[in-house]
Amino acid sequence: MTHAAPLITLDALTVGASATVVHIAPGDDAHDAHDGATLARRLMELGFVPGEKIRMLKRGMPGGEPLAIKVGNSTFALRRFEAALISIQPE
């Protein structure tokens, strides 16, 4: 029997690793819940949709921000709090 790797969030993916997007959580904005939904929608519009293959290219220095993520043929820079909204299945 094969065990799948547990789900993690994109901000925890190591540089050079690939994964598949499983879920986008709405952001947790204390001032306006609408802003969280807007952020989740923006991430999906960029291509972070369930089933999409992604790859962590690089982490910025210092502090590890921004994260350079390859989605399809495009590369995006995300902040860690944005990447933390994306649940992934590492390969």
N, C-alpha and C. Protein backbone atom coordinates (compact mmCIF):
# COMPACT_ATOMS: atom_id res chain seq x y z
N MET A 1 0.84 -1.18 0.00
CA MET A 1 0.00 0.00 0.00
C MET A 1 0.88 1.24 0.00
N THR A 2 0.54 2.20 -0.83
CA THR A 2 1.32 3.42 -0.96
C THR A 2 0.68 4.52 -0.12
N HIS A 3 1.52 5.26 0.59
CA HIS A 3 1.02 6.37 1.39
C HIS A 3 1.39 7.67 0.69
N ALA A 4 0.41 8.52 0.49
CA ALA A 4 0.65 9.82 -0.12
C ALA A 4 1.28 10.74 0.93
N ALA A 5 2.12 11.64 0.45
CA ALA A 5 2.72 12.61 1.36
C ALA A 5 1.61 13.50 1.93
N PRO A 6 1.74 13.93 3.16
CA PRO A 6 0.70 14.78 3.75
C PRO A 6 0.66 16.14 3.05
N LEU A 7 -0.50 16.77 3.09
CA LEU A 7 -0.64 18.10 2.51
C LEU A 7 0.15 19.10 3.35
N ILE A 8 0.76 20.05 2.66
CA ILE A 8 1.44 21.17 3.30
C ILE A 8 1.00 22.43 2.59
N THR A 9 1.41 23.57 3.10
CA THR A 9 1.13 24.81 2.39
C THR A 9 2.35 25.21 1.57
N LEU A 10 2.11 25.98 0.54
CA LEU A 10 3.16 26.33 -0.40
C LEU A 10 4.35 27.02 0.26
N ASP A 11 4.12 27.78 1.31
CA ASP A 11 5.23 28.48 1.97
C ASP A 11 6.23 27.52 2.62
N ALA A 12 5.84 26.24 2.81
CA ALA A 12 6.73 25.25 3.42
C ALA A 12 7.48 24.40 2.39
N LEU A 13 7.18 24.57 1.11
CA LEU A 13 7.83 23.78 0.07
C LEU A 13 9.30 24.18 -0.06
N THR A 14 10.18 23.20 -0.23
CA THR A 14 11.61 23.50 -0.35
C THR A 14 11.95 23.95 -1.76
N VAL A 15 13.03 24.71 -1.87
CA VAL A 15 13.48 25.20 -3.18
C VAL A 15 13.83 24.00 -4.08
N GLY A 16 13.35 24.06 -5.30
CA GLY A 16 13.59 23.00 -6.27
C GLY A 16 12.54 21.91 -6.28
N ALA A 17 11.67 21.89 -5.26
CA ALA A 17 10.64 20.85 -5.16
C ALA A 17 9.41 21.21 -5.99
N SER A 18 8.70 20.17 -6.43
CA SER A 18 7.46 20.34 -7.19
C SER A 18 6.29 19.82 -6.36
N ALA A 19 5.11 20.28 -6.72
CA ALA A 19 3.90 19.88 -6.00
C ALA A 19 2.69 20.11 -6.89
N THR A 20 1.55 19.65 -6.41
CA THR A 20 0.27 19.88 -7.08
C THR A 20 -0.62 20.67 -6.15
N VAL A 21 -1.26 21.70 -6.67
CA VAL A 21 -2.19 22.51 -5.89
C VAL A 21 -3.42 21.67 -5.55
N VAL A 22 -3.83 21.71 -4.28
CA VAL A 22 -5.00 20.97 -3.83
C VAL A 22 -6.15 21.91 -3.48
N HIS A 23 -5.83 23.03 -2.81
CA HIS A 23 -6.89 23.91 -2.31
C HIS A 23 -6.34 25.31 -2.08
N ILE A 24 -7.19 26.32 -2.30
CA ILE A 24 -6.86 27.70 -1.96
C ILE A 24 -7.80 28.14 -0.85
N ALA A 25 -7.23 28.53 0.29
CA ALA A 25 -8.05 29.00 1.41
C ALA A 25 -8.28 30.50 1.28
N PRO A 26 -9.44 30.99 1.69
CA PRO A 26 -9.62 32.44 1.70
C PRO A 26 -8.71 33.06 2.73
N GLY A 27 -8.19 34.22 2.45
CA GLY A 27 -7.32 34.91 3.39
C GLY A 27 -8.06 35.27 4.66
N ASP A 28 -7.34 35.42 5.74
CA ASP A 28 -7.92 35.75 7.04
C ASP A 28 -7.61 37.20 7.35
N ASP A 29 -8.46 38.09 6.87
CA ASP A 29 -8.26 39.51 7.10
C ASP A 29 -9.20 39.96 8.22
N ALA A 30 -8.66 40.44 9.31
CA ALA A 30 -9.45 40.80 10.48
C ALA A 30 -10.37 41.99 10.21
N HIS A 31 -10.02 42.83 9.24
CA HIS A 31 -10.81 44.03 9.00
C HIS A 31 -11.96 43.80 8.04
N ASP A 32 -11.77 42.95 7.04
CA ASP A 32 -12.78 42.81 6.00
C ASP A 32 -12.67 41.42 5.39
N ALA A 33 -13.65 40.57 5.64
CA ALA A 33 -13.63 39.19 5.12
C ALA A 33 -13.64 39.20 3.60
N HIS A 34 -14.19 40.24 2.97
CA HIS A 34 -14.23 40.33 1.52
C HIS A 34 -12.81 40.35 0.93
N ASP A 35 -11.87 41.00 1.62
CA ASP A 35 -10.49 41.07 1.13
C ASP A 35 -9.85 39.69 1.04
N GLY A 36 -10.16 38.79 1.99
CA GLY A 36 -9.64 37.44 1.95
C GLY A 36 -10.12 36.68 0.73
N ALA A 37 -11.39 36.82 0.40
CA ALA A 37 -11.94 36.16 -0.79
C ALA A 37 -11.32 36.75 -2.05
N THR A 38 -11.06 38.05 -2.05
CA THR A 38 -10.43 38.70 -3.19
C THR A 38 -9.02 38.15 -3.42
N LEU A 39 -8.27 37.95 -2.36
CA LEU A 39 -6.92 37.40 -2.48
C LEU A 39 -6.96 35.97 -3.02
N ALA A 40 -7.85 35.15 -2.50
CA ALA A 40 -7.97 33.77 -2.99
C ALA A 40 -8.33 33.77 -4.48
N ARG A 41 -9.25 34.65 -4.88
CA ARG A 41 -9.63 34.73 -6.29
C ARG A 41 -8.44 35.18 -7.15
N ARG A 42 -7.67 36.14 -6.66
CA ARG A 42 -6.50 36.62 -7.40
C ARG A 42 -5.50 35.48 -7.61
N LEU A 43 -5.24 34.70 -6.57
CA LEU A 43 -4.32 33.57 -6.69
C LEU A 43 -4.81 32.56 -7.73
N MET A 44 -6.12 32.31 -7.74
CA MET A 44 -6.68 31.38 -8.72
C MET A 44 -6.57 31.95 -10.13
N GLU A 45 -6.76 33.25 -10.28
CA GLU A 45 -6.63 33.88 -11.60
C GLU A 45 -5.20 33.80 -12.12
N LEU A 46 -4.23 33.77 -11.21
CA LEU A 46 -2.83 33.64 -11.61
C LEU A 46 -2.48 32.22 -12.04
N GLY A 47 -3.34 31.26 -11.72
CA GLY A 47 -3.10 29.88 -12.12
C GLY A 47 -2.96 28.89 -10.98
N PHE A 48 -3.06 29.36 -9.75
CA PHE A 48 -2.99 28.47 -8.59
C PHE A 48 -4.36 27.83 -8.38
N VAL A 49 -4.66 26.84 -9.23
CA VAL A 49 -5.96 26.16 -9.19
C VAL A 49 -5.73 24.69 -8.85
N PRO A 50 -6.70 24.05 -8.20
CA PRO A 50 -6.54 22.64 -7.86
C PRO A 50 -6.18 21.79 -9.09
N GLY A 51 -5.17 20.93 -8.90
CA GLY A 51 -4.69 20.06 -9.96
C GLY A 51 -3.50 20.61 -10.73
N GLU A 52 -3.20 21.90 -10.56
CA GLU A 52 -2.09 22.52 -11.29
C GLU A 52 -0.76 22.15 -10.67
N LYS A 53 0.23 21.83 -11.51
CA LYS A 53 1.58 21.52 -11.05
C LYS A 53 2.34 22.84 -10.86
N ILE A 54 3.09 22.91 -9.76
CA ILE A 54 3.88 24.10 -9.45
C ILE A 54 5.27 23.67 -9.02
N ARG A 55 6.19 24.63 -9.02
CA ARG A 55 7.56 24.36 -8.57
C ARG A 55 8.11 25.58 -7.86
N MET A 56 8.76 25.35 -6.71
CA MET A 56 9.41 26.42 -5.95
C MET A 56 10.77 26.67 -6.59
N LEU A 57 10.96 27.86 -7.14
CA LEU A 57 12.22 28.18 -7.81
C LEU A 57 13.25 28.79 -6.87
N LYS A 58 12.81 29.72 -6.04
CA LYS A 58 13.78 30.45 -5.21
C LYS A 58 13.08 31.17 -4.08
N ARG A 59 13.82 31.42 -3.01
CA ARG A 59 13.35 32.25 -1.90
C ARG A 59 14.26 33.47 -1.83
N GLY A 60 13.67 34.63 -1.64
CA GLY A 60 14.43 35.86 -1.54
C GLY A 60 15.23 35.92 -0.25
N MET A 61 16.17 36.81 -0.21
CA MET A 61 17.00 36.99 0.97
C MET A 61 16.92 38.44 1.39
N PRO A 62 16.98 38.82 2.61
CA PRO A 62 16.89 37.99 3.80
C PRO A 62 15.43 37.69 4.13
N GLY A 63 15.20 36.75 4.99
CA GLY A 63 13.86 36.44 5.47
C GLY A 63 13.06 35.49 4.60
N GLY A 64 13.61 35.10 3.44
CA GLY A 64 12.92 34.13 2.61
C GLY A 64 11.75 34.68 1.82
N GLU A 65 11.67 35.99 1.63
CA GLU A 65 10.61 36.59 0.83
C GLU A 65 11.21 37.45 -0.24
N PRO A 66 10.60 37.56 -1.41
CA PRO A 66 9.43 36.81 -1.85
C PRO A 66 9.81 35.40 -2.29
N LEU A 67 8.78 34.59 -2.56
CA LEU A 67 8.97 33.24 -3.07
C LEU A 67 8.75 33.28 -4.58
N ALA A 68 9.67 32.72 -5.35
CA ALA A 68 9.50 32.63 -6.80
C ALA A 68 8.91 31.26 -7.12
N ILE A 69 7.70 31.25 -7.69
CA ILE A 69 6.97 30.02 -7.95
C ILE A 69 6.67 29.91 -9.44
N LYS A 70 6.96 28.76 -10.02
CA LYS A 70 6.63 28.51 -11.42
C LYS A 70 5.29 27.80 -11.49
N VAL A 71 4.38 28.36 -12.27
CA VAL A 71 3.05 27.79 -12.51
C VAL A 71 2.88 27.74 -14.02
N GLY A 72 2.82 26.54 -14.59
CA GLY A 72 2.75 26.43 -16.04
C GLY A 72 4.00 27.03 -16.65
N ASN A 73 3.83 27.98 -17.57
CA ASN A 73 4.97 28.64 -18.21
C ASN A 73 5.28 30.00 -17.59
N SER A 74 4.62 30.32 -16.50
CA SER A 74 4.78 31.62 -15.86
C SER A 74 5.47 31.49 -14.50
N THR A 75 6.14 32.57 -14.10
CA THR A 75 6.78 32.62 -12.79
C THR A 75 6.19 33.80 -12.03
N PHE A 76 5.82 33.56 -10.77
CA PHE A 76 5.23 34.59 -9.94
C PHE A 76 6.00 34.74 -8.64
N ALA A 77 6.01 35.94 -8.11
CA ALA A 77 6.58 36.21 -6.78
C ALA A 77 5.43 36.35 -5.81
N LEU A 78 5.46 35.54 -4.76
CA LEU A 78 4.42 35.59 -3.73
C LEU A 78 5.06 35.91 -2.38
N ARG A 79 4.30 36.59 -1.55
CA ARG A 79 4.72 36.77 -0.17
C ARG A 79 4.37 35.49 0.59
N ARG A 80 5.05 35.27 1.71
CA ARG A 80 4.81 34.03 2.46
C ARG A 80 3.37 33.90 2.92
N PHE A 81 2.73 34.99 3.35
CA PHE A 81 1.35 34.87 3.82
C PHE A 81 0.41 34.48 2.67
N GLU A 82 0.74 34.89 1.44
CA GLU A 82 -0.06 34.47 0.28
C GLU A 82 0.15 32.99 0.00
N ALA A 83 1.41 32.56 0.02
CA ALA A 83 1.73 31.15 -0.24
C ALA A 83 1.12 30.25 0.83
N ALA A 84 0.96 30.75 2.05
CA ALA A 84 0.40 29.95 3.13
C ALA A 84 -1.08 29.63 2.91
N LEU A 85 -1.73 30.31 1.99
CA LEU A 85 -3.14 30.05 1.68
C LEU A 85 -3.31 28.87 0.71
N ILE A 86 -2.22 28.44 0.10
CA ILE A 86 -2.28 27.42 -0.96
C ILE A 86 -1.86 26.08 -0.39
N SER A 87 -2.80 25.15 -0.29
CA SER A 87 -2.49 23.77 0.17
C SER A 87 -2.01 22.98 -1.03
N ILE A 88 -0.93 22.22 -0.83
CA ILE A 88 -0.32 21.47 -1.93
C ILE A 88 -0.02 20.03 -1.52
N GLN A 89 0.13 19.20 -2.52
CA GLN A 89 0.58 17.80 -2.34
C GLN A 89 1.98 17.72 -2.95
N PRO A 90 3.03 17.63 -2.12
CA PRO A 90 4.39 17.54 -2.67
C PRO A 90 4.56 16.27 -3.50
N GLU A 91 5.45 16.34 -4.47
CA GLU A 91 5.74 15.16 -5.30
C GLU A 91 6.93 14.41 -4.75
